[in-house]
Amino acid sequence: MRGHAVVIGASMAGLIAARTLSERFARVTVLDRDAVPGDIANRRGVPQGWHGHGLLASGFGALQQLFPGLEEALVDAGAVPGDVIGDVRWFQHGYYKAKFQAGFRGILLSRPLLEGTLRQMVRRLPNVMIADQTHVTGLLADVGGRRVTGVRIRSGAIESRIDGASLVVDASGRASRSSAWLAQLGYSAPVEAAVDVGLGYMTRLFRRRPHDLAGDMGAIIAPNPPHQRRVGFMLAQEGDRWIVTLGGWLGDHAPSDPHGFEDFARSLARPDIYEVIRTAEPLSDAVAYAFPSNLRRYYERLTRFPEQYLVIGDAVCSFNPFYGQGMSVAALEGVLFAKCLDSGPPETLSSRFYREARGIVDTPWMIAAGSDFAFPGVTGPKPAGTDLVNWYLRRVHRVASTDREVCRSFFDVANLLKPATALFAPRIVGRVIKGSLSRSQTKAAGGGSRRGVSTSGLRRSREARS
């Protein structure tokens, strides 16, 4: 077993890294500048913790692999398990997705419950220590800066250092200072790409009643770009609560006052969320959050990188949170991290990790940054072919409202279970073309569309399935 590993940040990515390192290093120290709560609670360093979160099927599976017994602990604490397709209403690009029990195991819960449960599991590991209210101010390295050997820290007014580390992992999130620290050691900073979305949203908690949404565990009401920009999420949580997050792109943000919040819900593309909250008991005031841009740092492109140092999680790529990808990407990177630690020499760890992590990040980056370009006014480096991909995906959304195979393929990709290329497999493309032509012919003949599906219609559909 190796020596001492240091993790910067007790974030989701930091806790995942600590769990992975605990099986391979004699000692693991997690440093966080916040006062880290000992129980299930929001913390200052996670302002988004007050808002709705999604844990994709791939991320849930990865977390269960890394933290045995996690699902049982979460369900015992009140988390709501269910089928991602069959138990949630998805309205995207003008259509409800087909609803059927697809075997997509998912779970809904608050961010504090998930992070707090992971933190408790990590704290029970005998060789891991979480040191909070400790700010990392820089890296230590050997002569010439070839190998990172520790970190400089400040706790209150006291400055000190942790030296002799065998590995340092930066899991400090989007605000990571690794680029500056690398420059101090004589290395180039990674190229950054930012796609500016001007996102902002408000969140309130409501009492959840058995008849709400006809028993479904959530509703996602997304806009139909380019003319609509407002989105709403209503997700079941522990404690018989709904967490309702409303917002939009490019400054089209929800107000904080109760009447304004309710009016914003009524203005969404479908009334599912409004029909619940207009009579539900509110349990909290509205809390705001702003997200300026998708941000990616291309560490895999660096030709030089110090040994015994690694950057993971949001510090590498921070996605538009409305796509619910961040926690799942961190979990998938945790599985990859374990593989890389076990499969090669320490001096090539970073190059091997970044090379393979690109395969994890590329699909969610395409989904988030690429899809955001459907809204006129979003700016940033736009990959070639984005408009064509978005044109095709609009047809995927339309056909996925009735074609279960296309719907399943879409959710395979959206849940990061398959690469984006799965949606372009010949069989899926054929079904999308056939479905699009069929719908065009139906529309020309005066037929109806899924745009008219009502809450009562979904209830009847659900009753028919049972």
Protein backbone atom coordinates (compact mmCIF):
# COMPACT_ATOMS: atom_id res chain seq x y z
CA MET A 1 0.00 0.00 0.00
CA ARG A 2 1.28 3.47 -0.93
CA GLY A 3 1.91 6.34 1.46
CA HIS A 4 -0.08 9.56 1.98
CA ALA A 5 -2.69 10.92 -0.47
CA VAL A 6 -4.11 14.44 -0.17
CA VAL A 7 -7.48 15.46 -1.63
CA ILE A 8 -8.32 19.15 -2.08
CA GLY A 9 -12.05 19.58 -1.53
CA ALA A 10 -14.70 17.53 0.29
CA SER A 11 -17.02 17.86 -2.69
CA MET A 12 -18.80 14.92 -4.29
CA ALA A 13 -15.71 14.38 -6.44
CA GLY A 14 -13.46 14.73 -3.38
CA LEU A 15 -15.41 12.17 -1.35
CA ILE A 16 -15.40 9.77 -4.30
CA ALA A 17 -11.64 10.23 -4.68
CA ALA A 18 -11.09 9.68 -0.95
CA ARG A 19 -13.08 6.43 -1.05
CA THR A 20 -11.04 5.21 -4.01
CA LEU A 21 -7.72 6.20 -2.46
CA SER A 22 -8.54 4.62 0.92
CA GLU A 23 -8.08 1.14 -0.55
CA ARG A 24 -4.71 1.97 -2.10
CA PHE A 25 -2.98 4.41 0.28
CA ALA A 26 -2.06 4.03 3.93
CA ARG A 27 -3.39 7.49 4.76
CA VAL A 28 -5.78 9.92 3.04
CA THR A 29 -6.34 13.53 4.09
CA VAL A 30 -9.25 15.52 2.66
CA LEU A 31 -8.90 19.30 2.98
CA ASP A 32 -11.85 21.68 2.68
CA ARG A 33 -12.08 25.40 3.32
CA ASP A 34 -15.67 25.17 4.62
CA ALA A 35 -16.96 24.08 7.98
CA VAL A 36 -18.06 20.60 6.92
CA PRO A 37 -21.26 19.51 8.72
CA GLY A 38 -21.29 16.24 10.59
CA ASP A 39 -24.91 15.53 9.71
CA ILE A 40 -27.18 15.83 6.66
CA ALA A 41 -27.17 19.55 5.89
CA ASN A 42 -26.39 22.08 3.19
CA ARG A 43 -22.99 23.66 3.39
CA ARG A 44 -21.69 27.04 2.32
CA GLY A 45 -19.38 25.74 -0.39
CA VAL A 46 -22.24 24.05 -2.26
CA PRO A 47 -24.73 26.85 -3.02
CA GLN A 48 -26.39 24.62 -5.59
CA GLY A 49 -27.15 22.13 -2.81
CA TRP A 50 -30.39 23.98 -2.10
CA HIS A 51 -31.67 23.17 -5.59
CA GLY A 52 -32.90 20.16 -7.54
CA HIS A 53 -30.31 17.58 -8.54
CA GLY A 54 -30.31 14.64 -10.89
CA LEU A 55 -28.36 11.43 -10.48
CA LEU A 56 -28.23 9.65 -13.83
CA ALA A 57 -28.55 5.88 -14.05
CA SER A 58 -24.84 5.56 -14.88
CA GLY A 59 -23.83 7.73 -11.94
CA PHE A 60 -26.09 5.84 -9.55
CA GLY A 61 -24.56 2.56 -10.67
CA ALA A 62 -21.02 3.91 -10.32
CA LEU A 63 -21.70 5.22 -6.81
CA GLN A 64 -23.11 1.87 -5.74
CA GLN A 65 -19.95 0.23 -7.07
CA LEU A 66 -17.75 2.64 -5.11
CA PHE A 67 -19.88 2.72 -1.95
CA PRO A 68 -21.40 -0.71 -1.23
CA GLY A 69 -24.67 -0.45 0.68
CA LEU A 70 -25.33 3.09 -0.55
CA GLU A 71 -28.77 2.46 -2.04
CA GLU A 72 -30.04 0.78 1.11
CA ALA A 73 -28.77 3.67 3.24
CA LEU A 74 -30.42 6.26 1.01
CA VAL A 75 -33.76 4.45 0.77
CA ASP A 76 -33.77 3.95 4.55
CA ALA A 77 -33.31 7.72 4.86
CA GLY A 78 -36.34 8.36 2.63
CA ALA A 79 -34.90 8.64 -0.89
CA VAL A 80 -37.40 7.76 -3.62
CA PRO A 81 -36.37 4.93 -6.01
CA GLY A 82 -38.04 4.32 -9.34
CA ASP A 83 -37.74 3.96 -13.09
CA VAL A 84 -36.17 6.95 -14.85
CA ILE A 85 -38.44 6.55 -17.91
CA GLY A 86 -41.55 4.95 -16.47
CA ASP A 87 -41.99 7.02 -13.30
CA VAL A 88 -40.98 10.50 -14.49
CA ARG A 89 -42.66 12.83 -16.96
CA TRP A 90 -40.27 14.19 -19.56
CA PHE A 91 -41.55 17.01 -21.78
CA GLN A 92 -38.84 18.14 -24.18
CA HIS A 93 -38.88 20.03 -27.47
CA GLY A 94 -42.67 20.05 -27.57
CA TYR A 95 -43.35 16.39 -26.79
CA TYR A 96 -43.73 14.08 -23.82
CA LYS A 97 -41.37 11.13 -23.95
CA ALA A 98 -42.97 7.69 -24.17
CA LYS A 99 -43.58 6.30 -20.65
CA PHE A 100 -42.87 2.65 -19.95
CA GLN A 101 -41.05 0.61 -17.33
CA ALA A 102 -37.62 0.33 -18.90
CA GLY A 103 -35.56 -1.06 -16.03
CA PHE A 104 -33.69 2.25 -15.67
CA ARG A 105 -33.00 2.20 -11.95
CA GLY A 106 -32.93 5.71 -10.56
CA ILE A 107 -33.28 7.46 -7.23
CA LEU A 108 -34.51 10.92 -6.23
CA LEU A 109 -33.24 12.71 -3.15
CA SER A 110 -31.78 15.98 -1.98
CA ARG A 111 -28.14 16.86 -2.59
CA PRO A 112 -27.50 17.17 1.18
CA LEU A 113 -28.81 13.63 1.77
CA LEU A 114 -26.61 12.14 -0.94
CA GLU A 115 -23.47 14.11 -0.10
CA GLY A 116 -24.02 13.76 3.65
CA THR A 117 -24.44 9.98 3.36
CA LEU A 118 -21.25 9.67 1.31
CA ARG A 119 -19.42 11.89 3.79
CA GLN A 120 -20.52 9.69 6.70
CA MET A 121 -19.33 6.59 4.83
CA VAL A 122 -15.95 8.22 4.13
CA ARG A 123 -15.56 9.36 7.74
CA ARG A 124 -16.01 5.77 8.89
CA LEU A 125 -12.94 4.71 6.89
CA PRO A 126 -10.14 4.29 9.46
CA ASN A 127 -7.37 5.73 7.28
CA VAL A 128 -9.25 8.83 6.04
CA MET A 129 -9.35 12.20 7.81
CA ILE A 130 -11.44 15.21 6.72
CA ALA A 131 -9.84 18.49 7.84
CA ASP A 132 -12.31 21.34 7.38
CA GLN A 133 -11.79 25.12 7.54
CA THR A 134 -8.44 24.51 5.88
CA HIS A 135 -7.62 26.55 2.80
CA VAL A 136 -5.07 25.22 0.28
CA THR A 137 -2.90 28.11 -0.92
CA GLY A 138 -0.47 26.34 -3.22
CA LEU A 139 1.44 23.23 -4.22
CA LEU A 140 4.77 21.91 -3.01
CA ALA A 141 7.11 20.25 -5.49
CA ASP A 142 10.60 18.80 -5.76
CA VAL A 143 13.49 20.72 -7.26
CA GLY A 144 12.62 21.44 -10.87
CA GLY A 145 8.89 20.99 -10.28
CA ARG A 146 8.74 17.53 -11.84
CA ARG A 147 6.83 15.94 -8.96
CA VAL A 148 4.22 17.41 -6.60
CA THR A 149 5.04 16.51 -3.00
CA GLY A 150 2.36 18.28 -0.96
CA VAL A 151 0.36 21.46 -0.39
CA ARG A 152 0.59 24.75 1.46
CA ILE A 153 -2.37 25.34 3.74
CA ARG A 154 -3.87 28.04 5.94
CA SER A 155 -6.20 27.40 8.86
CA GLY A 156 -7.39 30.69 10.32
CA ALA A 157 -4.28 32.82 10.67
CA ILE A 158 -1.95 29.82 10.85
CA GLU A 159 -0.03 28.86 7.72
CA SER A 160 1.61 25.47 7.41
CA ARG A 161 2.29 22.71 4.92
CA ILE A 162 1.64 19.05 4.27
CA ASP A 163 4.74 17.51 2.72
CA GLY A 164 5.74 14.01 1.71
CA ALA A 165 2.52 13.26 -0.19
CA SER A 166 2.56 10.40 -2.68
CA LEU A 167 -0.39 11.90 -4.58
CA VAL A 168 -2.35 15.17 -4.52
CA VAL A 169 -5.83 15.29 -6.10
CA ASP A 170 -7.57 18.57 -6.87
CA ALA A 171 -11.34 18.10 -6.44
CA SER A 172 -12.01 21.73 -5.51
CA GLY A 173 -14.62 22.28 -8.23
CA ARG A 174 -15.19 24.91 -10.86
CA ALA A 175 -13.19 27.52 -8.89
CA SER A 176 -10.09 25.31 -8.96
CA ARG A 177 -6.78 27.18 -8.86
CA SER A 178 -4.83 24.39 -10.53
CA SER A 179 -4.15 26.47 -13.65
CA ALA A 180 -2.40 29.15 -11.57
CA TRP A 181 -0.58 26.58 -9.46
CA LEU A 182 0.71 24.79 -12.55
CA ALA A 183 1.95 28.11 -13.95
CA GLN A 184 3.88 28.71 -10.70
CA LEU A 185 5.65 25.39 -11.26
CA GLY A 186 6.54 26.28 -14.85
CA TYR A 187 3.77 24.37 -16.64
CA SER A 188 1.28 25.60 -19.20
CA ALA A 189 -2.32 26.08 -18.12
CA PRO A 190 -4.92 23.96 -19.93
CA VAL A 191 -6.93 25.50 -22.75
CA GLU A 192 -10.39 26.51 -21.50
CA ALA A 193 -13.70 26.58 -23.36
CA ALA A 194 -16.67 28.48 -21.94
CA VAL A 195 -20.17 28.40 -23.41
CA ASP A 196 -22.07 31.33 -21.88
CA VAL A 197 -25.70 30.50 -21.10
CA GLY A 198 -26.78 33.15 -18.58
CA LEU A 199 -28.69 30.56 -16.58
CA GLY A 200 -30.57 31.40 -13.42
CA TYR A 201 -33.21 29.66 -11.33
CA MET A 202 -35.28 29.69 -8.16
CA THR A 203 -36.14 26.71 -5.95
CA ARG A 204 -38.91 26.11 -3.41
CA LEU A 205 -39.93 23.06 -1.41
CA PHE A 206 -43.56 21.88 -1.27
CA ARG A 207 -45.43 19.15 0.57
CA ARG A 208 -45.82 16.07 -1.64
CA ARG A 209 -49.23 14.37 -1.67
CA PRO A 210 -49.96 10.84 -2.92
CA HIS A 211 -52.20 12.04 -5.76
CA ASP A 212 -49.75 14.62 -7.13
CA LEU A 213 -48.72 13.87 -10.73
CA ALA A 214 -51.00 10.81 -10.55
CA GLY A 215 -48.28 9.09 -8.53
CA ASP A 216 -45.30 9.91 -10.76
CA MET A 217 -42.07 10.77 -8.97
CA GLY A 218 -41.10 13.78 -11.06
CA ALA A 219 -41.76 16.09 -13.99
CA ILE A 220 -39.26 17.86 -16.23
CA ILE A 221 -40.82 20.53 -18.43
CA ALA A 222 -38.20 21.78 -20.87
CA PRO A 223 -38.55 24.57 -23.44
CA ASN A 224 -38.85 24.18 -27.18
CA PRO A 225 -36.06 26.39 -28.55
CA PRO A 226 -35.45 28.77 -30.15
CA HIS A 227 -38.49 30.73 -28.97
CA GLN A 228 -38.96 29.24 -25.48
CA ARG A 229 -36.29 29.53 -22.80
CA ARG A 230 -38.02 28.53 -19.56
CA VAL A 231 -37.62 25.21 -17.78
CA GLY A 232 -39.06 23.59 -14.68
CA PHE A 233 -38.16 20.56 -12.58
CA MET A 234 -40.33 19.00 -9.89
CA LEU A 235 -38.67 16.03 -8.22
CA ALA A 236 -39.68 13.87 -5.28
CA GLN A 237 -37.44 14.00 -2.22
CA GLU A 238 -37.15 12.40 1.17
CA GLY A 239 -39.60 13.64 3.76
CA ASP A 240 -42.63 13.62 1.43
CA ARG A 241 -41.43 16.77 -0.29
CA TRP A 242 -41.28 18.15 -3.81
CA ILE A 243 -38.28 20.24 -4.77
CA VAL A 244 -39.38 22.64 -7.52
CA THR A 245 -36.73 24.45 -9.53
CA LEU A 246 -37.79 27.02 -12.14
CA GLY A 247 -35.54 29.08 -14.38
CA GLY A 248 -34.27 29.76 -17.82
CA TRP A 249 -31.51 30.68 -20.19
CA LEU A 250 -30.10 34.10 -21.08
CA GLY A 251 -31.56 36.05 -18.20
CA ASP A 252 -35.09 34.62 -18.35
CA HIS A 253 -35.13 33.82 -14.64
CA ALA A 254 -37.94 33.04 -12.21
CA PRO A 255 -38.93 35.62 -9.56
CA SER A 256 -38.63 34.89 -5.85
CA ASP A 257 -42.02 36.06 -4.60
CA PRO A 258 -44.70 33.33 -4.26
CA HIS A 259 -47.10 34.77 -6.84
CA GLY A 260 -44.35 35.42 -9.34
CA PHE A 261 -42.95 31.93 -8.81
CA GLU A 262 -46.38 30.39 -9.40
CA ASP A 263 -46.98 32.55 -12.50
CA PHE A 264 -43.61 31.45 -13.89
CA ALA A 265 -44.62 27.80 -13.42
CA ARG A 266 -47.87 28.52 -15.25
CA SER A 267 -45.90 29.98 -18.17
CA LEU A 268 -43.96 26.77 -18.82
CA ALA A 269 -44.61 24.76 -21.98
CA ARG A 270 -46.88 22.36 -20.05
CA PRO A 271 -48.92 22.89 -16.84
CA ASP A 272 -47.90 19.73 -14.92
CA ILE A 273 -45.83 21.55 -12.28
CA TYR A 274 -48.21 24.48 -11.95
CA GLU A 275 -51.19 22.17 -11.41
CA VAL A 276 -49.43 20.72 -8.35
CA ILE A 277 -47.89 23.77 -6.70
CA ARG A 278 -50.95 26.02 -7.03
CA THR A 279 -52.63 23.95 -4.27
CA ALA A 280 -49.60 22.40 -2.53
CA GLU A 281 -48.33 23.54 0.86
CA PRO A 282 -45.07 25.51 0.50
CA LEU A 283 -42.33 24.45 2.90
CA SER A 284 -39.68 27.08 2.11
CA ASP A 285 -39.04 30.46 0.59
CA ALA A 286 -37.46 30.67 -2.84
CA VAL A 287 -33.67 30.39 -3.09
CA ALA A 288 -31.76 31.72 -6.10
CA TYR A 289 -28.81 30.34 -8.05
CA ALA A 290 -26.98 31.62 -11.13
CA PHE A 291 -24.79 29.66 -13.52
CA PRO A 292 -22.88 31.72 -16.10
CA SER A 293 -21.40 29.12 -18.43
CA ASN A 294 -20.45 25.56 -19.25
CA LEU A 295 -16.71 25.42 -18.60
CA ARG A 296 -14.23 22.81 -19.80
CA ARG A 297 -10.51 22.64 -19.17
CA TYR A 298 -8.67 20.41 -21.64
CA TYR A 299 -6.04 18.80 -19.40
CA GLU A 300 -5.73 15.93 -21.88
CA ARG A 301 -4.11 18.32 -24.37
CA LEU A 302 -1.20 19.25 -22.11
CA THR A 303 2.13 17.80 -23.22
CA ARG A 304 3.71 18.27 -19.77
CA PHE A 305 2.15 17.68 -16.37
CA PRO A 306 3.73 17.13 -12.95
CA GLU A 307 3.81 13.65 -11.50
CA GLN A 308 1.77 12.79 -8.39
CA TYR A 309 -0.91 15.38 -9.22
CA LEU A 310 -4.39 14.98 -10.69
CA VAL A 311 -7.40 17.23 -11.33
CA ILE A 312 -10.90 15.70 -11.38
CA GLY A 313 -14.62 16.51 -11.29
CA ASP A 314 -15.95 20.03 -11.90
CA ALA A 315 -12.38 21.29 -11.79
CA VAL A 316 -12.04 19.66 -15.22
CA CYS A 317 -15.52 20.24 -16.62
CA SER A 318 -18.54 22.08 -15.20
CA PHE A 319 -21.81 21.42 -17.03
CA ASN A 320 -25.08 23.32 -17.27
CA PRO A 321 -26.83 21.85 -14.18
CA PHE A 322 -30.19 21.59 -15.94
CA TYR A 323 -28.86 18.46 -17.67
CA GLY A 324 -28.10 16.77 -14.32
CA GLN A 325 -24.69 15.43 -15.33
CA GLY A 326 -22.12 16.73 -12.84
CA MET A 327 -22.47 14.21 -10.01
CA SER A 328 -22.69 11.27 -12.41
CA VAL A 329 -19.58 12.34 -14.32
CA ALA A 330 -17.72 12.61 -10.99
CA ALA A 331 -18.83 9.08 -10.08
CA LEU A 332 -17.79 7.66 -13.46
CA GLU A 333 -14.44 9.41 -13.12
CA GLY A 334 -14.09 7.78 -9.71
CA VAL A 335 -14.42 4.32 -11.26
CA LEU A 336 -11.89 5.29 -13.92
CA PHE A 337 -9.57 6.71 -11.25
CA ALA A 338 -9.51 3.36 -9.46
CA LYS A 339 -8.75 1.58 -12.73
CA CYS A 340 -5.89 3.94 -13.56
CA LEU A 341 -4.38 3.64 -10.08
CA ASP A 342 -4.29 -0.15 -10.51
CA SER A 343 -3.22 -0.42 -14.13
CA GLY A 344 0.07 1.38 -14.60
CA PRO A 345 3.04 3.18 -13.05
CA PRO A 346 2.37 6.26 -10.87
CA GLU A 347 4.41 8.55 -13.11
CA THR A 348 1.95 8.08 -16.01
CA LEU A 349 -1.25 8.26 -13.90
CA SER A 350 -2.33 11.72 -15.04
CA SER A 351 -1.78 11.13 -18.76
CA ARG A 352 -3.65 7.81 -18.63
CA PHE A 353 -6.51 9.28 -16.62
CA TYR A 354 -7.00 12.37 -18.80
CA ARG A 355 -6.84 10.34 -21.99
CA GLU A 356 -9.60 8.00 -20.84
CA ALA A 357 -11.61 10.65 -18.97
CA ARG A 358 -12.10 12.44 -22.26
CA GLY A 359 -14.39 9.57 -23.26
CA ILE A 360 -16.46 10.21 -20.11
CA VAL A 361 -16.65 13.98 -20.58
CA ASP A 362 -17.22 14.23 -24.36
CA THR A 363 -20.82 12.99 -24.40
CA PRO A 364 -22.18 15.15 -21.55
CA TRP A 365 -20.26 18.13 -22.96
CA MET A 366 -21.92 17.57 -26.34
CA ILE A 367 -25.32 17.24 -24.67
CA ALA A 368 -24.95 20.31 -22.47
CA ALA A 369 -22.86 22.77 -24.45
CA GLY A 370 -24.14 21.55 -27.82
CA SER A 371 -27.81 21.64 -26.85
CA ASP A 372 -27.43 25.11 -25.33
CA PHE A 373 -26.57 26.49 -28.78
CA ALA A 374 -30.20 25.84 -29.77
CA PHE A 375 -30.93 29.10 -27.90
CA PRO A 376 -30.01 32.20 -29.94
CA GLY A 377 -27.73 34.36 -27.84
CA VAL A 378 -25.67 31.56 -26.32
CA THR A 379 -22.02 32.27 -27.09
CA GLY A 380 -18.75 30.39 -27.01
CA PRO A 381 -16.72 27.96 -29.12
CA LYS A 382 -19.28 26.09 -31.19
CA PRO A 383 -18.11 22.71 -32.48
CA ALA A 384 -18.56 22.04 -36.17
CA GLY A 385 -21.77 20.18 -36.87
CA THR A 386 -23.61 21.40 -33.77
CA ASP A 387 -26.53 22.82 -35.74
CA LEU A 388 -26.92 19.61 -37.72
CA VAL A 389 -26.83 17.51 -34.54
CA ASN A 390 -29.45 19.74 -32.90
CA TRP A 391 -31.63 19.49 -36.03
CA TYR A 392 -31.47 15.69 -35.78
CA LEU A 393 -32.09 15.66 -32.02
CA ARG A 394 -35.28 17.69 -32.45
CA ARG A 395 -36.57 14.82 -34.57
CA VAL A 396 -35.33 12.28 -32.03
CA HIS A 397 -37.37 14.05 -29.33
CA ARG A 398 -40.45 14.02 -31.54
CA VAL A 399 -40.21 10.34 -32.49
CA ALA A 400 -39.27 9.32 -28.92
CA SER A 401 -42.74 10.38 -27.83
CA THR A 402 -44.18 7.18 -29.35
CA ASP A 403 -41.26 4.94 -30.38
CA ARG A 404 -39.96 3.08 -27.33
CA GLU A 405 -36.75 1.96 -29.01
CA VAL A 406 -35.79 5.52 -29.97
CA CYS A 407 -36.86 6.72 -26.53
CA ARG A 408 -34.72 4.08 -24.84
CA SER A 409 -31.74 4.93 -27.05
CA PHE A 410 -32.10 8.61 -26.16
CA PHE A 411 -32.11 7.84 -22.43
CA ASP A 412 -29.16 5.46 -22.81
CA VAL A 413 -27.15 8.42 -24.12
CA ALA A 414 -28.66 11.01 -21.75
CA ASN A 415 -27.83 8.74 -18.79
CA LEU A 416 -24.25 8.28 -20.07
CA LEU A 417 -24.74 4.55 -20.43
CA LYS A 418 -23.83 4.70 -24.12
CA PRO A 419 -21.83 7.19 -26.21
CA ALA A 420 -23.59 9.84 -28.27
CA THR A 421 -22.88 7.81 -31.41
CA ALA A 422 -25.55 5.30 -30.26
CA LEU A 423 -28.22 7.77 -31.40
CA PHE A 424 -26.69 7.71 -34.87
CA ALA A 425 -26.68 3.93 -35.26
CA PRO A 426 -28.29 2.97 -38.61
CA ARG A 427 -31.27 1.29 -36.96
CA ILE A 428 -32.05 4.32 -34.78
CA VAL A 429 -31.55 6.78 -37.65
CA GLY A 430 -33.90 4.66 -39.75
CA ARG A 431 -36.58 4.69 -37.07
CA VAL A 432 -36.19 8.46 -36.58
CA ILE A 433 -36.57 9.06 -40.33
CA LYS A 434 -39.56 6.73 -40.58
CA GLY A 435 -41.19 8.24 -37.51
CA SER A 436 -40.62 11.78 -38.73
CA LEU A 437 -42.14 11.03 -42.13
CA SER A 438 -45.12 9.32 -40.50
CA ARG A 439 -45.72 12.30 -38.23
CA SER A 440 -45.44 14.73 -41.15
CA GLN A 441 -48.03 12.74 -43.07
CA THR A 442 -50.35 12.60 -40.02
CA LYS A 443 -50.03 16.36 -39.54
CA ALA A 444 -50.76 16.98 -43.22
CA ALA A 445 -53.89 14.83 -42.92
CA GLY A 446 -55.08 16.85 -39.92
CA GLY A 447 -54.07 14.37 -37.19
CA GLY A 448 -53.24 15.30 -33.61
CA SER A 449 -49.88 15.53 -31.86
CA ARG A 450 -48.40 14.74 -28.48
CA ARG A 451 -48.36 18.47 -27.75
CA GLY A 452 -51.94 18.12 -26.57
CA VAL A 453 -51.27 15.47 -23.90
CA SER A 454 -52.80 16.57 -20.60
CA THR A 455 -52.20 15.56 -17.02
CA SER A 456 -55.41 13.57 -17.05
CA GLY A 457 -54.28 11.87 -20.25
CA LEU A 458 -51.03 10.86 -18.59
CA ARG A 459 -53.01 9.55 -15.63
CA ARG A 460 -55.11 7.37 -17.90
CA SER A 461 -51.95 6.16 -19.67
CA ARG A 462 -50.39 5.28 -16.32
CA GLU A 463 -53.53 3.40 -15.21
CA ALA A 464 -53.52 1.45 -18.47
CA ARG A 465 -49.88 0.39 -17.88
CA SER A 466 -50.74 -0.94 -14.44
